Amino acid sequence: MSALAKASGALKSVDYEVFGRVQVGGLSVLSVVAVLALIVLSHYFPNQYTEQEAKKLGVVGWVKNTSQGTVTGQVQGPEEKVNEMKSWLSKVGSPSSRIDKTNFSNEKEISKLDFSDFNTRY
């Protein structure tokens, strides 16, 4: 059992999907090169905020952009910390995001963590 699991008691796992403007922000009229650069950065950068928040809270799992324009992933850790991450995913998100709704599924107690860190999947 990891140190995180020993120190916290009950562990929890939950899958999530965030809907809204969560991948690409609004763009003004820019050159083609600037637009392409912004699209590439906007596609990956918002997940950096999710990673940072997860690591700050001490939870593990992953985050990924979907082809439908949502962000999906899984969070595991102490129940209290997972609940804090759920709140962040539902109400805060990255600075340029607009969260319309967040769906949580497969929420369950687990005996051990399936991940050792939180990362972005591509």
PDB file of N, CA and C in Angstrom:
ATOM      1  N   MET A   1       0.841  -1.176   0.000  1.00  0.00           N
ATOM      2  CA  MET A   1       0.000   0.000   0.000  1.00  0.00           C
ATOM      3  C   MET A   1       0.887   1.241   0.000  1.00  0.00           C
ATOM      4  N   SER A   2       0.538   2.254  -0.793  1.00  0.00           N
ATOM      5  CA  SER A   2       1.358   3.453  -0.896  1.00  0.00           C
ATOM      6  C   SER A   2       1.257   4.294   0.369  1.00  0.00           C
ATOM      7  N   ALA A   3       2.204   5.213   0.535  1.00  0.00           N
ATOM      8  CA  ALA A   3       2.187   6.123   1.682  1.00  0.00           C
ATOM      9  C   ALA A   3       0.922   6.964   1.679  1.00  0.00           C
ATOM     10  N   LEU A   4       0.465   7.354   0.471  1.00  0.00           N
ATOM     11  CA  LEU A   4      -0.755   8.133   0.345  1.00  0.00           C
ATOM     12  C   LEU A   4      -1.938   7.353   0.890  1.00  0.00           C
ATOM     13  N   ALA A   5      -2.040   6.095   0.537  1.00  0.00           N
ATOM     14  CA  ALA A   5      -3.148   5.271   0.995  1.00  0.00           C
ATOM     15  C   ALA A   5      -3.084   5.051   2.497  1.00  0.00           C
ATOM     16  N   LYS A   6      -1.898   4.804   3.043  1.00  0.00           N
ATOM     17  CA  LYS A   6      -1.747   4.565   4.473  1.00  0.00           C
ATOM     18  C   LYS A   6      -2.128   5.793   5.285  1.00  0.00           C
ATOM     19  N   ALA A   7      -1.745   6.966   4.804  1.00  0.00           N
ATOM     20  CA  ALA A   7      -1.975   8.190   5.556  1.00  0.00           C
ATOM     21  C   ALA A   7      -3.426   8.654   5.522  1.00  0.00           C
ATOM     22  N   SER A   8      -4.183   8.200   4.563  1.00  0.00           N
ATOM     23  CA  SER A   8      -5.496   8.795   4.354  1.00  0.00           C
ATOM     24  C   SER A   8      -6.682   7.906   4.679  1.00  0.00           C
ATOM     25  N   GLY A   9      -6.499   6.619   4.852  1.00  0.00           N
ATOM     26  CA  GLY A   9      -7.641   5.753   5.090  1.00  0.00           C
ATOM     27  C   GLY A   9      -8.304   5.368   3.792  1.00  0.00           C
ATOM     28  N   ALA A  10      -9.607   5.654   3.665  1.00  0.00           N
ATOM     29  CA  ALA A  10     -10.390   5.244   2.501  1.00  0.00           C
ATOM     30  C   ALA A  10      -9.918   5.933   1.225  1.00  0.00           C
ATOM     31  N   LEU A  11      -9.774   5.131   0.182  1.00  0.00           N
ATOM     32  CA  LEU A  11      -9.415   5.649  -1.135  1.00  0.00           C
ATOM     33  C   LEU A  11     -10.644   5.604  -2.026  1.00  0.00           C
ATOM     34  N   LYS A  12     -10.718   6.554  -2.945  1.00  0.00           N
ATOM     35  CA  LYS A  12     -11.855   6.682  -3.833  1.00  0.00           C
ATOM     36  C   LYS A  12     -11.363   6.836  -5.270  1.00  0.00           C
ATOM     37  N   SER A  13     -12.150   6.352  -6.216  1.00  0.00           N
ATOM     38  CA  SER A  13     -11.871   6.510  -7.637  1.00  0.00           C
ATOM     39  C   SER A  13     -13.128   7.033  -8.313  1.00  0.00           C
ATOM     40  N   VAL A  14     -12.970   7.949  -9.256  1.00  0.00           N
ATOM     41  CA  VAL A  14     -14.110   8.471 -10.003  1.00  0.00           C
ATOM     42  C   VAL A  14     -13.663   8.862 -11.413  1.00  0.00           C
ATOM     43  N   ASP A  15     -14.511   8.555 -12.390  1.00  0.00           N
ATOM     44  CA  ASP A  15     -14.306   8.996 -13.767  1.00  0.00           C
ATOM     45  C   ASP A  15     -15.074  10.300 -13.956  1.00  0.00           C
ATOM     46  N   TYR A  16     -14.607  11.147 -14.883  1.00  0.00           N
ATOM     47  CA  TYR A  16     -15.299  12.417 -15.112  1.00  0.00           C
ATOM     48  C   TYR A  16     -15.261  12.805 -16.572  1.00  0.00           C
ATOM     49  N   GLU A  17     -16.223  13.658 -16.949  1.00  0.00           N
ATOM     50  CA  GLU A  17     -16.240  14.296 -18.266  1.00  0.00           C
ATOM     51  C   GLU A  17     -16.757  15.711 -18.071  1.00  0.00           C
ATOM     52  N   VAL A  18     -15.998  16.689 -18.566  1.00  0.00           N
ATOM     53  CA  VAL A  18     -16.334  18.097 -18.414  1.00  0.00           C
ATOM     54  C   VAL A  18     -16.815  18.634 -19.754  1.00  0.00           C
ATOM     55  N   PHE A  19     -17.970  19.305 -19.734  1.00  0.00           N
ATOM     56  CA  PHE A  19     -18.582  19.869 -20.936  1.00  0.00           C
ATOM     57  C   PHE A  19     -18.558  21.393 -20.857  1.00  0.00           C
ATOM     58  N   GLY A  20     -18.452  22.044 -21.999  1.00  0.00           N
ATOM     59  CA  GLY A  20     -18.441  23.503 -22.085  1.00  0.00           C
ATOM     60  C   GLY A  20     -17.356  23.932 -23.037  1.00  0.00           C
ATOM     61  N   ARG A  21     -16.841  25.134 -22.821  1.00  0.00           N
ATOM     62  CA  ARG A  21     -15.675  25.583 -23.607  1.00  0.00           C
ATOM     63  C   ARG A  21     -14.460  25.221 -22.770  1.00  0.00           C
ATOM     64  N   VAL A  22     -14.019  23.993 -22.937  1.00  0.00           N
ATOM     65  CA  VAL A  22     -12.960  23.472 -22.070  1.00  0.00           C
ATOM     66  C   VAL A  22     -11.688  23.115 -22.829  1.00  0.00           C
ATOM     67  N   GLN A  23     -11.690  23.311 -24.148  1.00  0.00           N
ATOM     68  CA  GLN A  23     -10.490  22.993 -24.923  1.00  0.00           C
ATOM     69  C   GLN A  23      -9.935  24.210 -25.635  1.00  0.00           C
ATOM     70  N   VAL A  24     -10.720  24.887 -26.443  1.00  0.00           N
ATOM     71  CA  VAL A  24     -10.215  25.976 -27.272  1.00  0.00           C
ATOM     72  C   VAL A  24     -10.974  27.247 -26.947  1.00  0.00           C
ATOM     73  N   GLY A  25     -10.249  28.314 -26.579  1.00  0.00           N
ATOM     74  CA  GLY A  25     -10.871  29.594 -26.265  1.00  0.00           C
ATOM     75  C   GLY A  25     -11.251  30.355 -27.515  1.00  0.00           C
ATOM     76  N   GLY A  26     -12.024  31.438 -27.356  1.00  0.00           N
ATOM     77  CA  GLY A  26     -12.414  32.279 -28.479  1.00  0.00           C
ATOM     78  C   GLY A  26     -11.209  32.992 -29.061  1.00  0.00           C
ATOM     79  N   LEU A  27     -11.202  33.144 -30.388  1.00  0.00           N
ATOM     80  CA  LEU A  27     -10.072  33.771 -31.075  1.00  0.00           C
ATOM     81  C   LEU A  27     -10.546  35.004 -31.832  1.00  0.00           C
ATOM     82  N   SER A  28      -9.733  36.045 -31.836  1.00  0.00           N
ATOM     83  CA  SER A  28     -10.003  37.200 -32.672  1.00  0.00           C
ATOM     84  C   SER A  28      -9.355  36.959 -34.033  1.00  0.00           C
ATOM     85  N   VAL A  29      -9.455  37.934 -34.930  1.00  0.00           N
ATOM     86  CA  VAL A  29      -8.870  37.779 -36.250  1.00  0.00           C
ATOM     87  C   VAL A  29      -7.346  37.838 -36.125  1.00  0.00           C
ATOM     88  N   LEU A  30      -6.680  36.729 -36.472  1.00  0.00           N
ATOM     89  CA  LEU A  30      -5.229  36.612 -36.386  1.00  0.00           C
ATOM     90  C   LEU A  30      -4.697  36.018 -37.674  1.00  0.00           C
ATOM     91  N   SER A  31      -3.401  36.094 -37.859  1.00  0.00           N
ATOM     92  CA  SER A  31      -2.804  35.474 -39.035  1.00  0.00           C
ATOM     93  C   SER A  31      -2.954  33.961 -38.964  1.00  0.00           C
ATOM     94  N   VAL A  32      -2.850  33.300 -40.104  1.00  0.00           N
ATOM     95  CA  VAL A  32      -3.000  31.848 -40.171  1.00  0.00           C
ATOM     96  C   VAL A  32      -1.985  31.154 -39.263  1.00  0.00           C
ATOM     97  N   VAL A  33      -0.755  31.609 -39.255  1.00  0.00           N
ATOM     98  CA  VAL A  33       0.276  31.001 -38.414  1.00  0.00           C
ATOM     99  C   VAL A  33      -0.079  31.156 -36.946  1.00  0.00           C
ATOM    100  N   ALA A  34      -0.514  32.337 -36.537  1.00  0.00           N
ATOM    101  CA  ALA A  34      -0.880  32.570 -35.137  1.00  0.00           C
ATOM    102  C   ALA A  34      -2.084  31.721 -34.749  1.00  0.00           C
ATOM    103  N   VAL A  35      -3.055  31.598 -35.632  1.00  0.00           N
ATOM    104  CA  VAL A  35      -4.239  30.784 -35.350  1.00  0.00           C
ATOM    105  C   VAL A  35      -3.835  29.328 -35.146  1.00  0.00           C
ATOM    106  N   LEU A  36      -2.994  28.809 -36.032  1.00  0.00           N
ATOM    107  CA  LEU A  36      -2.559  27.419 -35.888  1.00  0.00           C
ATOM    108  C   LEU A  36      -1.790  27.216 -34.587  1.00  0.00           C
ATOM    109  N   ALA A  37      -0.933  28.159 -34.231  1.00  0.00           N
ATOM    110  CA  ALA A  37      -0.176  28.053 -32.980  1.00  0.00           C
ATOM    111  C   ALA A  37      -1.115  28.080 -31.788  1.00  0.00           C
ATOM    112  N   LEU A  38      -2.102  28.959 -31.818  1.00  0.00           N
ATOM    113  CA  LEU A  38      -3.054  29.040 -30.704  1.00  0.00           C
ATOM    114  C   LEU A  38      -3.895  27.770 -30.585  1.00  0.00           C
ATOM    115  N   ILE A  39      -4.286  27.201 -31.712  1.00  0.00           N
ATOM    116  CA  ILE A  39      -5.072  25.967 -31.677  1.00  0.00           C
ATOM    117  C   ILE A  39      -4.261  24.846 -31.038  1.00  0.00           C
ATOM    118  N   VAL A  40      -3.025  24.716 -31.437  1.00  0.00           N
ATOM    119  CA  VAL A  40      -2.170  23.670 -30.862  1.00  0.00           C
ATOM    120  C   VAL A  40      -2.000  23.894 -29.368  1.00  0.00           C
ATOM    121  N   LEU A  41      -1.674  25.131 -28.959  1.00  0.00           N
ATOM    122  CA  LEU A  41      -1.483  25.419 -27.535  1.00  0.00           C
ATOM    123  C   LEU A  41      -2.778  25.266 -26.749  1.00  0.00           C
ATOM    124  N   SER A  42      -3.881  25.766 -27.284  1.00  0.00           N
ATOM    125  CA  SER A  42      -5.162  25.696 -26.583  1.00  0.00           C
ATOM    126  C   SER A  42      -5.629  24.261 -26.422  1.00  0.00           C
ATOM    127  N   HIS A  43      -5.265  23.416 -27.368  1.00  0.00           N
ATOM    128  CA  HIS A  43      -5.692  22.024 -27.316  1.00  0.00           C
ATOM    129  C   HIS A  43      -5.048  21.291 -26.141  1.00  0.00           C
ATOM    130  N   TYR A  44      -3.817  21.631 -25.811  1.00  0.00           N
ATOM    131  CA  TYR A  44      -3.093  20.901 -24.771  1.00  0.00           C
ATOM    132  C   TYR A  44      -2.958  21.665 -23.462  1.00  0.00           C
ATOM    133  N   PHE A  45      -2.875  22.990 -23.517  1.00  0.00           N
ATOM    134  CA  PHE A  45      -2.573  23.784 -22.342  1.00  0.00           C
ATOM    135  C   PHE A  45      -3.598  23.677 -21.215  1.00  0.00           C
ATOM    136  N   PRO A  46      -4.920  23.685 -21.484  1.00  0.00           N
ATOM    137  CA  PRO A  46      -5.873  23.605 -20.374  1.00  0.00           C
ATOM    138  C   PRO A  46      -5.652  22.388 -19.476  1.00  0.00           C
ATOM    139  N   ASN A  47      -5.191  21.289 -20.037  1.00  0.00           N
ATOM    140  CA  ASN A  47      -4.959  20.102 -19.223  1.00  0.00           C
ATOM    141  C   ASN A  47      -3.822  20.308 -18.232  1.00  0.00           C
ATOM    142  N   GLN A  48      -2.922  21.238 -18.525  1.00  0.00           N
ATOM    143  CA  GLN A  48      -1.836  21.546 -17.599  1.00  0.00           C
ATOM    144  C   GLN A  48      -2.410  22.040 -16.275  1.00  0.00           C
ATOM    145  N   TYR A  49      -3.468  22.837 -16.329  1.00  0.00           N
ATOM    146  CA  TYR A  49      -4.091  23.333 -15.104  1.00  0.00           C
ATOM    147  C   TYR A  49      -4.706  22.189 -14.306  1.00  0.00           C
ATOM    148  N   THR A  50      -5.313  21.242 -15.004  1.00  0.00           N
ATOM    149  CA  THR A  50      -5.894  20.077 -14.325  1.00  0.00           C
ATOM    150  C   THR A  50      -4.790  19.277 -13.651  1.00  0.00           C
ATOM    151  N   GLU A  51      -3.701  19.058 -14.359  1.00  0.00           N
ATOM    152  CA  GLU A  51      -2.551  18.348 -13.778  1.00  0.00           C
ATOM    153  C   GLU A  51      -2.018  19.076 -12.550  1.00  0.00           C
ATOM    154  N   GLN A  52      -1.853  20.383 -12.657  1.00  0.00           N
ATOM    155  CA  GLN A  52      -1.319  21.158 -11.537  1.00  0.00           C
ATOM    156  C   GLN A  52      -2.225  21.061 -10.314  1.00  0.00           C
ATOM    157  N   GLU A  53      -3.523  21.180 -10.527  1.00  0.00           N
ATOM    158  CA  GLU A  53      -4.462  21.113  -9.407  1.00  0.00           C
ATOM    159  C   GLU A  53      -4.446  19.726  -8.773  1.00  0.00           C
ATOM    160  N   ALA A  54      -4.419  18.685  -9.601  1.00  0.00           N
ATOM    161  CA  ALA A  54      -4.385  17.314  -9.089  1.00  0.00           C
ATOM    162  C   ALA A  54      -3.134  17.085  -8.252  1.00  0.00           C
ATOM    163  N   LYS A  55      -2.011  17.549  -8.757  1.00  0.00           N
ATOM    164  CA  LYS A  55      -0.746  17.357  -8.028  1.00  0.00           C
ATOM    165  C   LYS A  55      -0.739  18.170  -6.743  1.00  0.00           C
ATOM    166  N   LYS A  56      -1.327  19.373  -6.778  1.00  0.00           N
ATOM    167  CA  LYS A  56      -1.416  20.201  -5.573  1.00  0.00           C
ATOM    168  C   LYS A  56      -2.245  19.489  -4.498  1.00  0.00           C
ATOM    169  N   LEU A  57      -3.327  18.845  -4.919  1.00  0.00           N
ATOM    170  CA  LEU A  57      -4.203  18.141  -3.974  1.00  0.00           C
ATOM    171  C   LEU A  57      -3.649  16.776  -3.568  1.00  0.00           C
ATOM    172  N   GLY A  58      -2.739  16.240  -4.358  1.00  0.00           N
ATOM    173  CA  GLY A  58      -2.164  14.937  -4.041  1.00  0.00           C
ATOM    174  C   GLY A  58      -2.992  13.763  -4.526  1.00  0.00           C
ATOM    175  N   VAL A  59      -3.757  13.972  -5.621  1.00  0.00           N
ATOM    176  CA  VAL A  59      -4.510  12.871  -6.218  1.00  0.00           C
ATOM    177  C   VAL A  59      -3.768  12.377  -7.452  1.00  0.00           C
ATOM    178  N   VAL A  60      -4.117  11.184  -7.904  1.00  0.00           N
ATOM    179  CA  VAL A  60      -3.489  10.586  -9.079  1.00  0.00           C
ATOM    180  C   VAL A  60      -4.555  10.290 -10.127  1.00  0.00           C
ATOM    181  N   GLY A  61      -4.109  10.012 -11.359  1.00  0.00           N
ATOM    182  CA  GLY A  61      -5.040   9.683 -12.433  1.00  0.00           C
ATOM    183  C   GLY A  61      -4.587  10.280 -13.748  1.00  0.00           C
ATOM    184  N   TRP A  62      -5.561  10.701 -14.552  1.00  0.00           N
ATOM    185  CA  TRP A  62      -5.230  11.222 -15.873  1.00  0.00           C
ATOM    186  C   TRP A  62      -6.321  12.149 -16.392  1.00  0.00           C
ATOM    187  N   VAL A  63      -5.977  12.921 -17.428  1.00  0.00           N
ATOM    188  CA  VAL A  63      -6.896  13.831 -18.110  1.00  0.00           C
ATOM    189  C   VAL A  63      -6.612  13.731 -19.602  1.00  0.00           C
ATOM    190  N   LYS A  64      -7.663  13.888 -20.418  1.00  0.00           N
ATOM    191  CA  LYS A  64      -7.505  13.783 -21.869  1.00  0.00           C
ATOM    192  C   LYS A  64      -8.590  14.593 -22.573  1.00  0.00           C
ATOM    193  N   ASN A  65      -8.212  15.293 -23.650  1.00  0.00           N
ATOM    194  CA  ASN A  65      -9.189  15.950 -24.510  1.00  0.00           C
ATOM    195  C   ASN A  65      -9.850  14.903 -25.390  1.00  0.00           C
ATOM    196  N   THR A  66     -11.156  15.066 -25.631  1.00  0.00           N
ATOM    197  CA  THR A  66     -11.858  14.145 -26.524  1.00  0.00           C
ATOM    198  C   THR A  66     -12.113  14.816 -27.870  1.00  0.00           C
ATOM    199  N   SER A  67     -12.431  14.022 -28.865  1.00  0.00           N
ATOM    200  CA  SER A  67     -12.750  14.571 -30.185  1.00  0.00           C
ATOM    201  C   SER A  67     -14.095  15.295 -30.193  1.00  0.00           C
ATOM    202  N   GLN A  68     -14.902  15.121 -29.146  1.00  0.00           N
ATOM    203  CA  GLN A  68     -16.199  15.800 -29.031  1.00  0.00           C
ATOM    204  C   GLN A  68     -16.075  17.171 -28.373  1.00  0.00           C
ATOM    205  N   GLY A  69     -14.843  17.571 -28.007  1.00  0.00           N
ATOM    206  CA  GLY A  69     -14.637  18.878 -27.401  1.00  0.00           C
ATOM    207  C   GLY A  69     -14.784  18.887 -25.891  1.00  0.00           C
ATOM    208  N   THR A  70     -14.886  17.721 -25.271  1.00  0.00           N
ATOM    209  CA  THR A  70     -14.953  17.638 -23.819  1.00  0.00           C
ATOM    210  C   THR A  70     -13.590  17.228 -23.270  1.00  0.00           C
ATOM    211  N   VAL A  71     -13.488  17.236 -21.961  1.00  0.00           N
ATOM    212  CA  VAL A  71     -12.296  16.748 -21.273  1.00  0.00           C
ATOM    213  C   VAL A  71     -12.738  15.597 -20.388  1.00  0.00           C
ATOM    214  N   THR A  72     -12.025  14.489 -20.460  1.00  0.00           N
ATOM    215  CA  THR A  72     -12.394  13.309 -19.690  1.00  0.00           C
ATOM    216  C   THR A  72     -11.192  12.823 -18.892  1.00  0.00           C
ATOM    217  N   GLY A  73     -11.440  12.004 -17.885  1.00  0.00           N
ATOM    218  CA  GLY A  73     -10.332  11.481 -17.111  1.00  0.00           C
ATOM    219  C   GLY A  73     -10.782  10.671 -15.918  1.00  0.00           C
ATOM    220  N   GLN A  74      -9.819  10.391 -15.057  1.00  0.00           N
ATOM    221  CA  GLN A  74     -10.076   9.627 -13.844  1.00  0.00           C
ATOM    222  C   GLN A  74      -9.224  10.208 -12.720  1.00  0.00           C
ATOM    223  N   VAL A  75      -9.799  10.262 -11.539  1.00  0.00           N
ATOM    224  CA  VAL A  75      -9.106  10.760 -10.349  1.00  0.00           C
ATOM    225  C   VAL A  75      -9.178   9.688  -9.273  1.00  0.00           C
ATOM    226  N   GLN A  76      -8.057   9.451  -8.592  1.00  0.00           N
ATOM    227  CA  GLN A  76      -8.010   8.511  -7.475  1.00  0.00           C
ATOM    228  C   GLN A  76      -7.227   9.146  -6.324  1.00  0.00           C
ATOM    229  N   GLY A  77      -7.632   8.795  -5.109  1.00  0.00           N
ATOM    230  CA  GLY A  77      -6.921   9.286  -3.938  1.00  0.00           C
ATOM    231  C   GLY A  77      -7.805   9.237  -2.718  1.00  0.00           C
ATOM    232  N   PRO A  78      -7.375   9.895  -1.646  1.00  0.00           N
ATOM    233  CA  PRO A  78      -8.198   9.964  -0.444  1.00  0.00           C
ATOM    234  C   PRO A  78      -9.544  10.622  -0.758  1.00  0.00           C
ATOM    235  N   GLU A  79     -10.591  10.116  -0.160  1.00  0.00           N
ATOM    236  CA  GLU A  79     -11.943  10.596  -0.467  1.00  0.00           C
ATOM    237  C   GLU A  79     -12.068  12.113  -0.387  1.00  0.00           C
ATOM    238  N   GLU A  80     -11.537  12.715   0.651  1.00  0.00           N
ATOM    239  CA  GLU A  80     -11.630  14.165   0.827  1.00  0.00           C
ATOM    240  C   GLU A  80     -10.953  14.904  -0.325  1.00  0.00           C
ATOM    241  N   LYS A  81      -9.785  14.433  -0.763  1.00  0.00           N
ATOM    242  CA  LYS A  81      -9.043  15.086  -1.848  1.00  0.00           C
ATOM    243  C   LYS A  81      -9.727  14.876  -3.198  1.00  0.00           C
ATOM    244  N   VAL A  82     -10.279  13.681  -3.403  1.00  0.00           N
ATOM    245  CA  VAL A  82     -11.031  13.423  -4.639  1.00  0.00           C
ATOM    246  C   VAL A  82     -12.238  14.348  -4.701  1.00  0.00           C
ATOM    247  N   ASN A  83     -12.916  14.537  -3.579  1.00  0.00           N
ATOM    248  CA  ASN A  83     -14.066  15.446  -3.546  1.00  0.00           C
ATOM    249  C   ASN A  83     -13.657  16.884  -3.841  1.00  0.00           C
ATOM    250  N   GLU A  84     -12.489  17.297  -3.352  1.00  0.00           N
ATOM    251  CA  GLU A  84     -11.982  18.635  -3.673  1.00  0.00           C
ATOM    252  C   GLU A  84     -11.701  18.765  -5.169  1.00  0.00           C
ATOM    253  N   MET A  85     -11.136  17.733  -5.766  1.00  0.00           N
ATOM    254  CA  MET A  85     -10.862  17.758  -7.211  1.00  0.00           C
ATOM    255  C   MET A  85     -12.162  17.773  -8.001  1.00  0.00           C
ATOM    256  N   LYS A  86     -13.153  17.029  -7.554  1.00  0.00           N
ATOM    257  CA  LYS A  86     -14.465  17.044  -8.222  1.00  0.00           C
ATOM    258  C   LYS A  86     -15.050  18.456  -8.213  1.00  0.00           C
ATOM    259  N   SER A  87     -14.926  19.138  -7.099  1.00  0.00           N
ATOM    260  CA  SER A  87     -15.424  20.506  -7.001  1.00  0.00           C
ATOM    261  C   SER A  87     -14.678  21.417  -7.970  1.00  0.00           C
ATOM    262  N   TRP A  88     -13.353  21.289  -8.036  1.00  0.00           N
ATOM    263  CA  TRP A  88     -12.548  22.103  -8.948  1.00  0.00           C
ATOM    264  C   TRP A  88     -12.945  21.832 -10.404  1.00  0.00           C
ATOM    265  N   LEU A  89     -13.129  20.555 -10.746  1.00  0.00           N
ATOM    266  CA  LEU A  89     -13.517  20.195 -12.115  1.00  0.00           C
ATOM    267  C   LEU A  89     -14.896  20.742 -12.474  1.00  0.00           C
ATOM    268  N   SER A  90     -15.778  20.852 -11.501  1.00  0.00           N
ATOM    269  CA  SER A  90     -17.150  21.309 -11.730  1.00  0.00           C
ATOM    270  C   SER A  90     -17.295  22.825 -11.750  1.00  0.00           C
ATOM    271  N   LYS A  91     -16.453  23.523 -10.978  1.00  0.00           N
ATOM    272  CA  LYS A  91     -16.682  24.953 -10.760  1.00  0.00           C
ATOM    273  C   LYS A  91     -15.566  25.879 -11.214  1.00  0.00           C
ATOM    274  N   VAL A  92     -14.325  25.374 -11.303  1.00  0.00           N
ATOM    275  CA  VAL A  92     -13.193  26.269 -11.564  1.00  0.00           C
ATOM    276  C   VAL A  92     -12.583  25.990 -12.934  1.00  0.00           C
ATOM    277  N   GLY A  93     -11.879  24.890 -13.080  1.00  0.00           N
ATOM    278  CA  GLY A  93     -11.227  24.555 -14.344  1.00  0.00           C
ATOM    279  C   GLY A  93     -10.094  25.497 -14.688  1.00  0.00           C
ATOM    280  N   SER A  94      -9.643  25.444 -15.924  1.00  0.00           N
ATOM    281  CA  SER A  94      -8.561  26.324 -16.364  1.00  0.00           C
ATOM    282  C   SER A  94      -9.094  27.753 -16.506  1.00  0.00           C
ATOM    283  N   PRO A  95      -8.209  28.743 -16.450  1.00  0.00           N
ATOM    284  CA  PRO A  95      -8.648  30.145 -16.478  1.00  0.00           C
ATOM    285  C   PRO A  95      -9.516  30.529 -17.677  1.00  0.00           C
ATOM    286  N   SER A  96      -9.279  29.955 -18.849  1.00  0.00           N
ATOM    287  CA  SER A  96     -10.040  30.341 -20.036  1.00  0.00           C
ATOM    288  C   SER A  96     -11.244  29.434 -20.304  1.00  0.00           C
ATOM    289  N   SER A  97     -11.508  28.500 -19.407  1.00  0.00           N
ATOM    290  CA  SER A  97     -12.603  27.564 -19.664  1.00  0.00           C
ATOM    291  C   SER A  97     -13.945  28.111 -19.192  1.00  0.00           C
ATOM    292  N   ARG A  98     -15.018  27.585 -19.775  1.00  0.00           N
ATOM    293  CA  ARG A  98     -16.382  27.817 -19.319  1.00  0.00           C
ATOM    294  C   ARG A  98     -16.984  26.434 -19.113  1.00  0.00           C
ATOM    295  N   ILE A  99     -17.268  26.088 -17.898  1.00  0.00           N
ATOM    296  CA  ILE A  99     -17.784  24.759 -17.590  1.00  0.00           C
ATOM    297  C   ILE A  99     -19.305  24.808 -17.566  1.00  0.00           C
ATOM    298  N   ASP A 100     -19.930  24.057 -18.469  1.00  0.00           N
ATOM    299  CA  ASP A 100     -21.387  23.977 -18.504  1.00  0.00           C
ATOM    300  C   ASP A 100     -21.897  22.904 -17.553  1.00  0.00           C
ATOM    301  N   LYS A 101     -21.229  21.758 -17.560  1.00  0.00           N
ATOM    302  CA  LYS A 101     -21.589  20.683 -16.635  1.00  0.00           C
ATOM    303  C   LYS A 101     -20.441  19.686 -16.564  1.00  0.00           C
ATOM    304  N   THR A 102     -20.422  18.929 -15.481  1.00  0.00           N
ATOM    305  CA  THR A 102     -19.433  17.871 -15.314  1.00  0.00           C
ATOM    306  C   THR A 102     -20.167  16.619 -14.884  1.00  0.00           C
ATOM    307  N   ASN A 103     -19.953  15.538 -15.610  1.00  0.00           N
ATOM    308  CA  ASN A 103     -20.545  14.247 -15.262  1.00  0.00           C
ATOM    309  C   ASN A 103     -19.511  13.402 -14.540  1.00  0.00           C
ATOM    310  N   PHE A 104     -19.928  12.790 -13.442  1.00  0.00           N
ATOM    311  CA  PHE A 104     -19.077  11.869 -12.700  1.00  0.00           C
ATOM    312  C   PHE A 104     -19.709  10.489 -12.765  1.00  0.00           C
ATOM    313  N   SER A 105     -18.882   9.468 -12.956  1.00  0.00           N
ATOM    314  CA  SER A 105     -19.397   8.099 -13.057  1.00  0.00           C
ATOM    315  C   SER A 105     -18.396   7.127 -12.440  1.00  0.00           C
ATOM    316  N   ASN A 106     -18.858   5.918 -12.246  1.00  0.00           N
ATOM    317  CA  ASN A 106     -18.011   4.833 -11.700  1.00  0.00           C
ATOM    318  C   ASN A 106     -17.328   5.238 -10.394  1.00  0.00           C
ATOM    319  N   GLU A 107     -18.028   5.997  -9.562  1.00  0.00           N
ATOM    320  CA  GLU A 107     -17.459   6.421  -8.287  1.00  0.00           C
ATOM    321  C   GLU A 107     -17.494   5.239  -7.325  1.00  0.00           C
ATOM    322  N   LYS A 108     -16.317   4.920  -6.772  1.00  0.00           N
ATOM    323  CA  LYS A 108     -16.253   3.739  -5.908  1.00  0.00           C
ATOM    324  C   LYS A 108     -15.078   3.830  -4.950  1.00  0.00           C
ATOM    325  N   GLU A 109     -15.168   3.074  -3.873  1.00  0.00           N
ATOM    326  CA  GLU A 109     -14.051   2.938  -2.953  1.00  0.00           C
ATOM    327  C   GLU A 109     -13.105   1.892  -3.540  1.00  0.00           C
ATOM    328  N   ILE A 110     -11.811   2.148  -3.421  1.00  0.00           N
ATOM    329  CA  ILE A 110     -10.805   1.217  -3.945  1.00  0.00           C
ATOM    330  C   ILE A 110      -9.827   0.846  -2.826  1.00  0.00           C
ATOM    331  N   SER A 111      -9.174  -0.290  -2.973  1.00  0.00           N
ATOM    332  CA  SER A 111      -8.229  -0.737  -1.946  1.00  0.00           C
ATOM    333  C   SER A 111      -6.811  -0.250  -2.203  1.00  0.00           C
ATOM    334  N   LYS A 112      -6.510   0.078  -3.481  1.00  0.00           N
ATOM    335  CA  LYS A 112      -5.183   0.600  -3.810  1.00  0.00           C
ATOM    336  C   LYS A 112      -5.287   1.494  -5.040  1.00  0.00           C
ATOM    337  N   LEU A 113      -4.297   2.358  -5.187  1.00  0.00           N
ATOM    338  CA  LEU A 113      -4.258   3.274  -6.328  1.00  0.00           C
ATOM    339  C   LEU A 113      -3.781   2.537  -7.575  1.00  0.00           C
ATOM    340  N   ASP A 114      -4.389   2.853  -8.719  1.00  0.00           N
ATOM    341  CA  ASP A 114      -3.971   2.268  -9.994  1.00  0.00           C
ATOM    342  C   ASP A 114      -2.888   3.086 -10.678  1.00  0.00           C
ATOM    343  N   PHE A 115      -2.618   4.295 -10.189  1.00  0.00           N
ATOM    344  CA  PHE A 115      -1.657   5.202 -10.809  1.00  0.00           C
ATOM    345  C   PHE A 115      -0.685   5.703  -9.746  1.00  0.00           C
ATOM    346  N   SER A 116       0.478   6.140 -10.173  1.00  0.00           N
ATOM    347  CA  SER A 116       1.454   6.691  -9.229  1.00  0.00           C
ATOM    348  C   SER A 116       1.571   8.212  -9.357  1.00  0.00           C
ATOM    349  N   ASP A 117       0.911   8.798 -10.374  1.00  0.00           N
ATOM    350  CA  ASP A 117       1.012  10.225 -10.642  1.00  0.00           C
ATOM    351  C   ASP A 117      -0.242  10.658 -11.385  1.00  0.00           C
ATOM    352  N   PHE A 118      -0.340  11.944 -11.682  1.00  0.00           N
ATOM    353  CA  PHE A 118      -1.430  12.463 -12.503  1.00  0.00           C
ATOM    354  C   PHE A 118      -0.808  13.000 -13.773  1.00  0.00           C
ATOM    355  N   ASN A 119      -1.329  12.576 -14.948  1.00  0.00           N
ATOM    356  CA  ASN A 119      -0.735  13.035 -16.199  1.00  0.00           C
ATOM    357  C   ASN A 119      -1.765  13.230 -17.288  1.00  0.00           C
ATOM    358  N   THR A 120      -1.326  13.878 -18.357  1.00  0.00           N
ATOM    359  CA  THR A 120      -2.161  14.123 -19.520  1.00  0.00           C
ATOM    360  C   THR A 120      -1.951  13.001 -20.530  1.00  0.00           C
ATOM    361  N   ARG A 121      -3.055  12.472 -21.022  1.00  0.00           N
ATOM    362  CA  ARG A 121      -2.989  11.462 -22.083  1.00  0.00           C
ATOM    363  C   ARG A 121      -3.308  12.135 -23.408  1.00  0.00           C
ATOM    364  N   TYR A 122      -2.676  11.649 -24.477  1.00  0.00           N
ATOM    365  CA  TYR A 122      -2.882  12.220 -25.803  1.00  0.00           C
ATOM    366  C   TYR A 122      -3.469  11.207 -26.745  1.00  0.00           C
TER     367      TYR A 122
END
